[in-house]
Amino acid sequence: MPLTTTGELVTSARAARTAVAAFNIITLEHIEAVVAGAEAAGEPVVLQVSENAVKFRQGRLLPLARAAATAAETAAVPVALHLDHIQSDPLLRQAADAGFSSVMYDASRLPYTENLAATRAAVDWAHAQGLWIEGELGEIGGKGAHVPGARTDPAEARAFVAGSGVDALAVAIGSVHAMTTRTATLDHGLLRRLSTDLDVPLVLHGSSGVPDAELTAAVAGGITKVNIGTALNQAMTGAIRRFLDAGPETVDSRAYLSEGRAAMAATVERLVRLLTGV
């Protein structure tokens, strides 16, 4: 079906009090797996390309973006494209021409005032291009989840949303990027305050390390977009490792990549069902 927009998917999820799953993609197998898993669940999904993924692809955005757009346009469910964790202004400015409907501009590493100014400039540019834009306040990586000052402050968040004009806000409530164990505990009291105080959709990053019960509670508490990356890589790498351990003579990459793709698709379907309640 035609490529949809992240804003439309998030708006629909918010109205239904569910969350849209947004998966970070690196290879063509990631793209195919996310679409297959979403189709199996019968629910929409967001394909995300991060700045780090672009670096891995030798700094070229278009090859992965074009593959994602083609897969989205032939999918049986609505699929949107999102450019994730962008710190580079030149990369940000490629978003619209590359087919992305939205971008997450990440200036959270900067002091509050500088984050606000940089995000405001990014928002002004993005809105002029018709792009939906997500910002971040607090620190989900770097400092870790529990260091004082790392979590999103509700009063700062209100001022940040008003001053920046972002369409959605990624909040730091206890999740951490790149976790390989699902042991994160979220601050649901803080999430309730943020959800009450803010009039924009809230986004959870670092969701691969969050247990199922914590994820469903987060959605009930106001999270509307859930970013997932490491869980896919764990599924893919684990399946490939098992396949090659059982058949070390294998040299045809299609054999083990098929296993990796299937494992990722199963992970996508499970998480999409969890977040949407289907």
C-alpha atoms as a PDB file:
ATOM      1  CA  MET A   1       0.000   0.000   0.000  1.00  0.00           C
ATOM      2  CA  PRO A   2       1.143   3.613  -0.324  1.00  0.00           C
ATOM      3  CA  LEU A   3       3.847   4.805   2.051  1.00  0.00           C
ATOM      4  CA  THR A   4       2.208   6.339   5.131  1.00  0.00           C
ATOM      5  CA  THR A   5       3.596   8.878   7.592  1.00  0.00           C
ATOM      6  CA  THR A   6       4.915   8.445  11.105  1.00  0.00           C
ATOM      7  CA  GLY A   7       2.698  11.273  12.293  1.00  0.00           C
ATOM      8  CA  GLU A   8      -0.424   9.489  11.074  1.00  0.00           C
ATOM      9  CA  LEU A   9       0.576   6.211  12.754  1.00  0.00           C
ATOM     10  CA  VAL A  10       1.437   7.889  16.052  1.00  0.00           C
ATOM     11  CA  THR A  11      -1.776   9.936  16.034  1.00  0.00           C
ATOM     12  CA  SER A  12      -3.860   6.791  15.443  1.00  0.00           C
ATOM     13  CA  ALA A  13      -2.008   4.859  18.148  1.00  0.00           C
ATOM     14  CA  ARG A  14      -2.462   7.684  20.634  1.00  0.00           C
ATOM     15  CA  ALA A  15      -6.199   7.818  19.952  1.00  0.00           C
ATOM     16  CA  ALA A  16      -6.420   4.053  20.491  1.00  0.00           C
ATOM     17  CA  ARG A  17      -4.209   4.223  23.626  1.00  0.00           C
ATOM     18  CA  THR A  18      -1.757   1.772  22.075  1.00  0.00           C
ATOM     19  CA  ALA A  19       1.743   2.280  20.670  1.00  0.00           C
ATOM     20  CA  VAL A  20       3.291   1.986  17.241  1.00  0.00           C
ATOM     21  CA  ALA A  21       6.435  -0.128  17.069  1.00  0.00           C
ATOM     22  CA  ALA A  22       9.411   1.511  15.356  1.00  0.00           C
ATOM     23  CA  PHE A  23      12.240  -0.831  14.374  1.00  0.00           C
ATOM     24  CA  ASN A  24      15.770   0.202  13.488  1.00  0.00           C
ATOM     25  CA  ILE A  25      16.988  -1.336  10.254  1.00  0.00           C
ATOM     26  CA  ILE A  26      20.540  -1.938   9.061  1.00  0.00           C
ATOM     27  CA  THR A  27      20.338  -4.467   6.221  1.00  0.00           C
ATOM     28  CA  LEU A  28      17.825  -5.543   3.588  1.00  0.00           C
ATOM     29  CA  GLU A  29      17.100  -8.566   5.805  1.00  0.00           C
ATOM     30  CA  HIS A  30      16.080  -6.214   8.617  1.00  0.00           C
ATOM     31  CA  ILE A  31      13.677  -4.422   6.278  1.00  0.00           C
ATOM     32  CA  GLU A  32      12.108  -7.647   5.000  1.00  0.00           C
ATOM     33  CA  ALA A  33      11.807  -9.055   8.512  1.00  0.00           C
ATOM     34  CA  VAL A  34      10.098  -5.975   9.945  1.00  0.00           C
ATOM     35  CA  VAL A  35       7.582  -5.869   7.127  1.00  0.00           C
ATOM     36  CA  ALA A  36       6.919  -9.623   7.358  1.00  0.00           C
ATOM     37  CA  GLY A  37       6.443  -9.456  11.129  1.00  0.00           C
ATOM     38  CA  ALA A  38       4.104  -6.481  10.868  1.00  0.00           C
ATOM     39  CA  GLU A  39       2.076  -8.213   8.159  1.00  0.00           C
ATOM     40  CA  ALA A  40       1.793 -11.348  10.312  1.00  0.00           C
ATOM     41  CA  ALA A  41       0.483  -9.221  13.188  1.00  0.00           C
ATOM     42  CA  GLY A  42      -1.731  -7.197  10.837  1.00  0.00           C
ATOM     43  CA  GLU A  43      -0.560  -3.897  12.310  1.00  0.00           C
ATOM     44  CA  PRO A  44       1.328  -0.835  11.013  1.00  0.00           C
ATOM     45  CA  VAL A  45       5.000  -0.294  11.718  1.00  0.00           C
ATOM     46  CA  VAL A  46       7.764   2.282  11.365  1.00  0.00           C
ATOM     47  CA  LEU A  47      11.058   1.505   9.632  1.00  0.00           C
ATOM     48  CA  GLN A  48      13.828   3.585  11.219  1.00  0.00           C
ATOM     49  CA  VAL A  49      17.270   4.416   9.848  1.00  0.00           C
ATOM     50  CA  SER A  50      19.672   5.803  12.430  1.00  0.00           C
ATOM     51  CA  GLU A  51      22.660   8.032  11.854  1.00  0.00           C
ATOM     52  CA  ASN A  52      24.841   5.117  12.993  1.00  0.00           C
ATOM     53  CA  ALA A  53      23.243   2.876  10.370  1.00  0.00           C
ATOM     54  CA  VAL A  54      24.054   5.461   7.710  1.00  0.00           C
ATOM     55  CA  LYS A  55      27.664   5.509   8.896  1.00  0.00           C
ATOM     56  CA  PHE A  56      27.746   1.708   8.611  1.00  0.00           C
ATOM     57  CA  ARG A  57      26.415   1.999   5.068  1.00  0.00           C
ATOM     58  CA  GLN A  58      29.507   4.070   4.242  1.00  0.00           C
ATOM     59  CA  GLY A  59      27.704   7.358   4.746  1.00  0.00           C
ATOM     60  CA  ARG A  60      25.139   6.685   2.005  1.00  0.00           C
ATOM     61  CA  LEU A  61      21.515   7.113   3.049  1.00  0.00           C
ATOM     62  CA  LEU A  62      19.744   6.500  -0.249  1.00  0.00           C
ATOM     63  CA  PRO A  63      20.434   2.780  -0.875  1.00  0.00           C
ATOM     64  CA  LEU A  64      18.858   1.724   2.429  1.00  0.00           C
ATOM     65  CA  ALA A  65      16.155   4.379   2.197  1.00  0.00           C
ATOM     66  CA  ARG A  66      15.146   3.319  -1.316  1.00  0.00           C
ATOM     67  CA  ALA A  67      14.980  -0.345  -0.272  1.00  0.00           C
ATOM     68  CA  ALA A  68      12.859   0.540   2.758  1.00  0.00           C
ATOM     69  CA  ALA A  69      10.503   2.684   0.691  1.00  0.00           C
ATOM     70  CA  THR A  70      10.029  -0.068  -1.888  1.00  0.00           C
ATOM     71  CA  ALA A  71       9.287  -2.625   0.826  1.00  0.00           C
ATOM     72  CA  ALA A  72       6.844  -0.220   2.470  1.00  0.00           C
ATOM     73  CA  GLU A  73       5.004   0.457  -0.773  1.00  0.00           C
ATOM     74  CA  THR A  74       4.467  -3.253  -1.388  1.00  0.00           C
ATOM     75  CA  ALA A  75       3.542  -4.138   2.211  1.00  0.00           C
ATOM     76  CA  ALA A  76       0.083  -5.326   3.185  1.00  0.00           C
ATOM     77  CA  VAL A  77       0.046  -3.016   6.214  1.00  0.00           C
ATOM     78  CA  PRO A  78       0.822   0.713   6.561  1.00  0.00           C
ATOM     79  CA  VAL A  79       4.558   1.408   6.879  1.00  0.00           C
ATOM     80  CA  ALA A  80       6.301   4.721   7.522  1.00  0.00           C
ATOM     81  CA  LEU A  81       9.961   5.745   7.230  1.00  0.00           C
ATOM     82  CA  HIS A  82      11.708   7.600  10.042  1.00  0.00           C
ATOM     83  CA  LEU A  83      15.242   8.995  10.279  1.00  0.00           C
ATOM     84  CA  ASP A  84      16.451   8.291  13.815  1.00  0.00           C
ATOM     85  CA  HIS A  85      18.888   9.912  16.262  1.00  0.00           C
ATOM     86  CA  ILE A  86      20.183  12.492  13.839  1.00  0.00           C
ATOM     87  CA  GLN A  87      22.912  14.812  15.088  1.00  0.00           C
ATOM     88  CA  SER A  88      24.256  15.795  11.672  1.00  0.00           C
ATOM     89  CA  ASP A  89      22.479  18.760  10.085  1.00  0.00           C
ATOM     90  CA  PRO A  90      23.571  17.745   6.545  1.00  0.00           C
ATOM     91  CA  LEU A  91      22.012  14.298   7.108  1.00  0.00           C
ATOM     92  CA  LEU A  92      18.863  15.873   8.523  1.00  0.00           C
ATOM     93  CA  ARG A  93      18.484  17.857   5.334  1.00  0.00           C
ATOM     94  CA  GLN A  94      18.444  14.681   3.232  1.00  0.00           C
ATOM     95  CA  ALA A  95      15.327  13.362   4.999  1.00  0.00           C
ATOM     96  CA  ALA A  96      12.551  14.700   2.798  1.00  0.00           C
ATOM     97  CA  ASP A  97      14.182  13.912  -0.543  1.00  0.00           C
ATOM     98  CA  ALA A  98      14.998  10.376   0.649  1.00  0.00           C
ATOM     99  CA  GLY A  99      11.334   9.591   1.369  1.00  0.00           C
ATOM    100  CA  PHE A 100      11.239   9.988   5.147  1.00  0.00           C
ATOM    101  CA  SER A 101       8.119  11.518   6.682  1.00  0.00           C
ATOM    102  CA  SER A 102       9.731  12.120  10.058  1.00  0.00           C
ATOM    103  CA  VAL A 103      13.007  12.583  11.853  1.00  0.00           C
ATOM    104  CA  MET A 104      14.262  12.328  15.410  1.00  0.00           C
ATOM    105  CA  TYR A 105      16.721  15.164  15.976  1.00  0.00           C
ATOM    106  CA  ASP A 106      18.980  14.341  18.898  1.00  0.00           C
ATOM    107  CA  ALA A 107      20.663  17.261  20.632  1.00  0.00           C
ATOM    108  CA  SER A 108      20.208  15.700  24.091  1.00  0.00           C
ATOM    109  CA  ARG A 109      23.977  15.518  24.588  1.00  0.00           C
ATOM    110  CA  LEU A 110      24.026  19.313  24.806  1.00  0.00           C
ATOM    111  CA  PRO A 111      23.186  21.469  27.829  1.00  0.00           C
ATOM    112  CA  TYR A 112      19.489  22.309  28.024  1.00  0.00           C
ATOM    113  CA  THR A 113      19.701  25.770  26.468  1.00  0.00           C
ATOM    114  CA  GLU A 114      21.805  24.539  23.546  1.00  0.00           C
ATOM    115  CA  ASN A 115      19.580  21.481  23.077  1.00  0.00           C
ATOM    116  CA  LEU A 116      16.542  23.758  22.913  1.00  0.00           C
ATOM    117  CA  ALA A 117      18.130  26.115  20.394  1.00  0.00           C
ATOM    118  CA  ALA A 118      19.435  23.327  18.141  1.00  0.00           C
ATOM    119  CA  THR A 119      16.131  21.459  18.261  1.00  0.00           C
ATOM    120  CA  ARG A 120      14.156  24.636  17.528  1.00  0.00           C
ATOM    121  CA  ALA A 121      16.258  25.245  14.420  1.00  0.00           C
ATOM    122  CA  ALA A 122      15.765  21.624  13.317  1.00  0.00           C
ATOM    123  CA  VAL A 123      12.005  21.872  13.919  1.00  0.00           C
ATOM    124  CA  ASP A 124      11.715  25.057  11.891  1.00  0.00           C
ATOM    125  CA  TRP A 125      13.496  23.428   8.960  1.00  0.00           C
ATOM    126  CA  ALA A 126      11.597  20.126   9.256  1.00  0.00           C
ATOM    127  CA  HIS A 127       8.164  21.722   9.474  1.00  0.00           C
ATOM    128  CA  ALA A 128       8.947  23.825   6.408  1.00  0.00           C
ATOM    129  CA  GLN A 129       9.529  20.528   4.572  1.00  0.00           C
ATOM    130  CA  GLY A 130       6.330  18.959   5.930  1.00  0.00           C
ATOM    131  CA  LEU A 131       8.222  16.602   8.242  1.00  0.00           C
ATOM    132  CA  TRP A 132       7.054  15.402  11.659  1.00  0.00           C
ATOM    133  CA  ILE A 133       9.880  15.789  14.192  1.00  0.00           C
ATOM    134  CA  GLU A 134      10.774  14.147  17.495  1.00  0.00           C
ATOM    135  CA  GLY A 135      13.190  15.590  20.057  1.00  0.00           C
ATOM    136  CA  GLU A 136      14.804  14.194  23.187  1.00  0.00           C
ATOM    137  CA  LEU A 137      15.151  15.563  26.703  1.00  0.00           C
ATOM    138  CA  GLY A 138      17.075  13.681  29.368  1.00  0.00           C
ATOM    139  CA  GLU A 139      19.717  11.128  28.502  1.00  0.00           C
ATOM    140  CA  ILE A 140      18.817   7.570  27.535  1.00  0.00           C
ATOM    141  CA  GLY A 141      22.363   6.499  26.687  1.00  0.00           C
ATOM    142  CA  GLY A 142      25.633   7.938  27.963  1.00  0.00           C
ATOM    143  CA  LYS A 143      25.091   8.568  31.639  1.00  0.00           C
ATOM    144  CA  GLY A 144      22.925   5.505  32.111  1.00  0.00           C
ATOM    145  CA  ALA A 145      19.375   5.258  33.371  1.00  0.00           C
ATOM    146  CA  HIS A 146      19.792   6.009  37.046  1.00  0.00           C
ATOM    147  CA  VAL A 147      22.342   8.825  37.329  1.00  0.00           C
ATOM    148  CA  PRO A 148      20.848  12.014  38.837  1.00  0.00           C
ATOM    149  CA  GLY A 149      19.929  14.430  36.083  1.00  0.00           C
ATOM    150  CA  ALA A 150      19.685  11.783  33.391  1.00  0.00           C
ATOM    151  CA  ARG A 151      15.915  11.436  33.543  1.00  0.00           C
ATOM    152  CA  THR A 152      13.486  13.837  31.938  1.00  0.00           C
ATOM    153  CA  ASP A 153      12.276  16.574  34.268  1.00  0.00           C
ATOM    154  CA  PRO A 154       8.551  17.365  33.763  1.00  0.00           C
ATOM    155  CA  ALA A 155       8.938  21.125  34.228  1.00  0.00           C
ATOM    156  CA  GLU A 156      11.858  21.265  31.804  1.00  0.00           C
ATOM    157  CA  ALA A 157       9.923  19.063  29.403  1.00  0.00           C
ATOM    158  CA  ARG A 158       6.963  21.458  29.341  1.00  0.00           C
ATOM    159  CA  ALA A 159       9.242  24.369  28.562  1.00  0.00           C
ATOM    160  CA  PHE A 160      11.190  22.356  26.005  1.00  0.00           C
ATOM    161  CA  VAL A 161       8.104  21.245  24.093  1.00  0.00           C
ATOM    162  CA  ALA A 162       6.689  24.769  24.078  1.00  0.00           C
ATOM    163  CA  GLY A 163       9.979  26.372  23.089  1.00  0.00           C
ATOM    164  CA  SER A 164      11.088  23.848  20.476  1.00  0.00           C
ATOM    165  CA  GLY A 165       7.777  23.031  18.786  1.00  0.00           C
ATOM    166  CA  VAL A 166       8.543  19.297  18.544  1.00  0.00           C
ATOM    167  CA  ASP A 167       5.744  16.963  17.503  1.00  0.00           C
ATOM    168  CA  ALA A 168       6.831  14.216  19.912  1.00  0.00           C
ATOM    169  CA  LEU A 169       9.306  13.823  22.755  1.00  0.00           C
ATOM    170  CA  ALA A 170      11.630  10.934  23.588  1.00  0.00           C
ATOM    171  CA  VAL A 171      11.761  10.731  27.373  1.00  0.00           C
ATOM    172  CA  ALA A 172      14.329   9.216  29.712  1.00  0.00           C
ATOM    173  CA  ILE A 173      12.431   7.138  32.277  1.00  0.00           C
ATOM    174  CA  GLY A 174      14.850   4.270  32.964  1.00  0.00           C
ATOM    175  CA  SER A 175      15.527   2.505  29.660  1.00  0.00           C
ATOM    176  CA  VAL A 176      19.025   2.347  28.176  1.00  0.00           C
ATOM    177  CA  HIS A 177      20.164   1.931  24.586  1.00  0.00           C
ATOM    178  CA  ALA A 178      21.809  -1.339  23.463  1.00  0.00           C
ATOM    179  CA  MET A 179      20.807  -3.455  26.476  1.00  0.00           C
ATOM    180  CA  THR A 180      21.132  -7.178  25.776  1.00  0.00           C
ATOM    181  CA  THR A 181      19.258  -8.258  28.920  1.00  0.00           C
ATOM    182  CA  ARG A 182      15.630  -7.384  29.502  1.00  0.00           C
ATOM    183  CA  THR A 183      16.078  -6.102  33.035  1.00  0.00           C
ATOM    184  CA  ALA A 184      15.299  -2.369  32.806  1.00  0.00           C
ATOM    185  CA  THR A 185      12.812  -0.988  35.314  1.00  0.00           C
ATOM    186  CA  LEU A 186      10.897   2.073  34.200  1.00  0.00           C
ATOM    187  CA  ASP A 187       9.867   4.996  36.388  1.00  0.00           C
ATOM    188  CA  HIS A 188       6.118   4.804  35.862  1.00  0.00           C
ATOM    189  CA  GLY A 189       5.415   7.634  38.289  1.00  0.00           C
ATOM    190  CA  LEU A 190       7.584   9.948  36.232  1.00  0.00           C
ATOM    191  CA  LEU A 191       5.902   8.732  33.049  1.00  0.00           C
ATOM    192  CA  ARG A 192       2.463   9.554  34.502  1.00  0.00           C
ATOM    193  CA  ARG A 193       3.596  13.081  35.315  1.00  0.00           C
ATOM    194  CA  LEU A 194       5.072  13.569  31.857  1.00  0.00           C
ATOM    195  CA  SER A 195       1.974  12.183  30.161  1.00  0.00           C
ATOM    196  CA  THR A 196      -0.259  14.465  32.213  1.00  0.00           C
ATOM    197  CA  ASP A 197       1.862  17.566  31.737  1.00  0.00           C
ATOM    198  CA  LEU A 198       2.699  17.282  28.031  1.00  0.00           C
ATOM    199  CA  ASP A 199       0.395  17.551  25.037  1.00  0.00           C
ATOM    200  CA  VAL A 200       2.649  15.709  22.572  1.00  0.00           C
ATOM    201  CA  PRO A 201       3.114  11.956  22.084  1.00  0.00           C
ATOM    202  CA  LEU A 202       5.848  10.372  24.211  1.00  0.00           C
ATOM    203  CA  VAL A 203       8.468   8.013  22.801  1.00  0.00           C
ATOM    204  CA  LEU A 204      10.385   5.226  24.563  1.00  0.00           C
ATOM    205  CA  HIS A 205      13.906   4.555  23.326  1.00  0.00           C
ATOM    206  CA  GLY A 206      16.117   1.657  24.421  1.00  0.00           C
ATOM    207  CA  SER A 207      13.103  -0.641  24.542  1.00  0.00           C
ATOM    208  CA  SER A 208      14.959  -3.887  23.811  1.00  0.00           C
ATOM    209  CA  GLY A 209      16.076  -3.989  27.447  1.00  0.00           C
ATOM    210  CA  VAL A 210      12.550  -3.510  28.830  1.00  0.00           C
ATOM    211  CA  PRO A 211      10.555  -6.613  29.922  1.00  0.00           C
ATOM    212  CA  ASP A 212       7.118  -7.256  28.435  1.00  0.00           C
ATOM    213  CA  ALA A 213       5.196  -6.238  31.559  1.00  0.00           C
ATOM    214  CA  GLU A 214       7.111  -2.966  31.765  1.00  0.00           C
ATOM    215  CA  LEU A 215       6.423  -2.255  28.091  1.00  0.00           C
ATOM    216  CA  THR A 216       2.683  -2.824  28.396  1.00  0.00           C
ATOM    217  CA  ALA A 217       2.603  -0.661  31.532  1.00  0.00           C
ATOM    218  CA  ALA A 218       4.502   2.067  29.680  1.00  0.00           C
ATOM    219  CA  VAL A 219       1.966   2.043  26.848  1.00  0.00           C
ATOM    220  CA  ALA A 220      -0.868   2.208  29.373  1.00  0.00           C
ATOM    221  CA  GLY A 221       0.951   5.102  31.009  1.00  0.00           C
ATOM    222  CA  GLY A 222       1.191   7.190  27.860  1.00  0.00           C
ATOM    223  CA  ILE A 223       4.031   5.943  25.650  1.00  0.00           C
ATOM    224  CA  THR A 224       2.853   6.078  22.023  1.00  0.00           C
ATOM    225  CA  LYS A 225       5.944   5.150  19.986  1.00  0.00           C
ATOM    226  CA  VAL A 226       8.349   2.403  21.033  1.00  0.00           C
ATOM    227  CA  ASN A 227      11.802   2.197  19.426  1.00  0.00           C
ATOM    228  CA  ILE A 228      13.393  -1.249  19.094  1.00  0.00           C
ATOM    229  CA  GLY A 229      16.782  -2.121  17.618  1.00  0.00           C
ATOM    230  CA  THR A 230      19.001  -4.398  19.684  1.00  0.00           C
ATOM    231  CA  ALA A 231      16.284  -7.066  19.981  1.00  0.00           C
ATOM    232  CA  LEU A 232      16.376  -7.542  16.212  1.00  0.00           C
ATOM    233  CA  ASN A 233      20.153  -7.829  16.162  1.00  0.00           C
ATOM    234  CA  GLN A 234      20.060 -10.353  18.995  1.00  0.00           C
ATOM    235  CA  ALA A 235      17.509 -12.454  17.120  1.00  0.00           C
ATOM    236  CA  MET A 236      19.441 -12.301  13.862  1.00  0.00           C
ATOM    237  CA  THR A 237      22.877 -12.971  15.336  1.00  0.00           C
ATOM    238  CA  GLY A 238      21.617 -15.771  17.558  1.00  0.00           C
ATOM    239  CA  ALA A 239      19.901 -17.572  14.691  1.00  0.00           C
ATOM    240  CA  ILE A 240      22.919 -17.232  12.410  1.00  0.00           C
ATOM    241  CA  ARG A 241      25.298 -18.408  15.141  1.00  0.00           C
ATOM    242  CA  ARG A 242      23.187 -21.497  15.831  1.00  0.00           C
ATOM    243  CA  PHE A 243      22.933 -22.288  12.126  1.00  0.00           C
ATOM    244  CA  LEU A 244      26.677 -21.985  11.523  1.00  0.00           C
ATOM    245  CA  ASP A 245      27.532 -23.919  14.680  1.00  0.00           C
ATOM    246  CA  ALA A 246      25.363 -26.771  13.385  1.00  0.00           C
ATOM    247  CA  GLY A 247      26.744 -26.503   9.841  1.00  0.00           C
ATOM    248  CA  PRO A 248      30.238 -24.978   9.880  1.00  0.00           C
ATOM    249  CA  GLU A 249      30.763 -26.048   6.278  1.00  0.00           C
ATOM    250  CA  THR A 250      28.084 -23.578   5.060  1.00  0.00           C
ATOM    251  CA  VAL A 251      29.348 -20.914   2.673  1.00  0.00           C
ATOM    252  CA  ASP A 252      26.133 -19.786   0.936  1.00  0.00           C
ATOM    253  CA  SER A 253      25.118 -16.642   2.821  1.00  0.00           C
ATOM    254  CA  ARG A 254      21.481 -17.091   1.790  1.00  0.00           C
ATOM    255  CA  ALA A 255      21.209 -20.132   4.041  1.00  0.00           C
ATOM    256  CA  TYR A 256      22.117 -18.388   7.280  1.00  0.00           C
ATOM    257  CA  LEU A 257      20.661 -14.991   6.359  1.00  0.00           C
ATOM    258  CA  SER A 258      17.297 -16.696   5.841  1.00  0.00           C
ATOM    259  CA  GLU A 259      17.492 -18.015   9.398  1.00  0.00           C
ATOM    260  CA  GLY A 260      18.389 -14.576  10.706  1.00  0.00           C
ATOM    261  CA  ARG A 261      15.582 -12.901   8.789  1.00  0.00           C
ATOM    262  CA  ALA A 262      13.003 -15.417  10.044  1.00  0.00           C
ATOM    263  CA  ALA A 263      14.127 -14.943  13.633  1.00  0.00           C
ATOM    264  CA  MET A 264      13.827 -11.176  13.336  1.00  0.00           C
ATOM    265  CA  ALA A 265      10.367 -11.461  11.755  1.00  0.00           C
ATOM    266  CA  ALA A 266       9.174 -13.585  14.678  1.00  0.00           C
ATOM    267  CA  THR A 267      10.542 -11.006  17.125  1.00  0.00           C
ATOM    268  CA  VAL A 268       8.797  -8.193  15.266  1.00  0.00           C
ATOM    269  CA  GLU A 269       5.462  -9.997  15.222  1.00  0.00           C
ATOM    270  CA  ARG A 270       5.646 -10.745  18.946  1.00  0.00           C
ATOM    271  CA  LEU A 271       6.528  -7.191  19.927  1.00  0.00           C
ATOM    272  CA  VAL A 272       3.974  -5.595  17.604  1.00  0.00           C
ATOM    273  CA  ARG A 273       1.262  -7.798  19.093  1.00  0.00           C
ATOM    274  CA  LEU A 274       2.424  -6.934  22.601  1.00  0.00           C
ATOM    275  CA  LEU A 275       2.344  -3.175  21.991  1.00  0.00           C
ATOM    276  CA  THR A 276      -0.979  -3.119  20.161  1.00  0.00           C
ATOM    277  CA  GLY A 277      -2.777  -5.791  22.158  1.00  0.00           C
ATOM    278  CA  VAL A 278      -3.771  -7.845  19.126  1.00  0.00           C
END
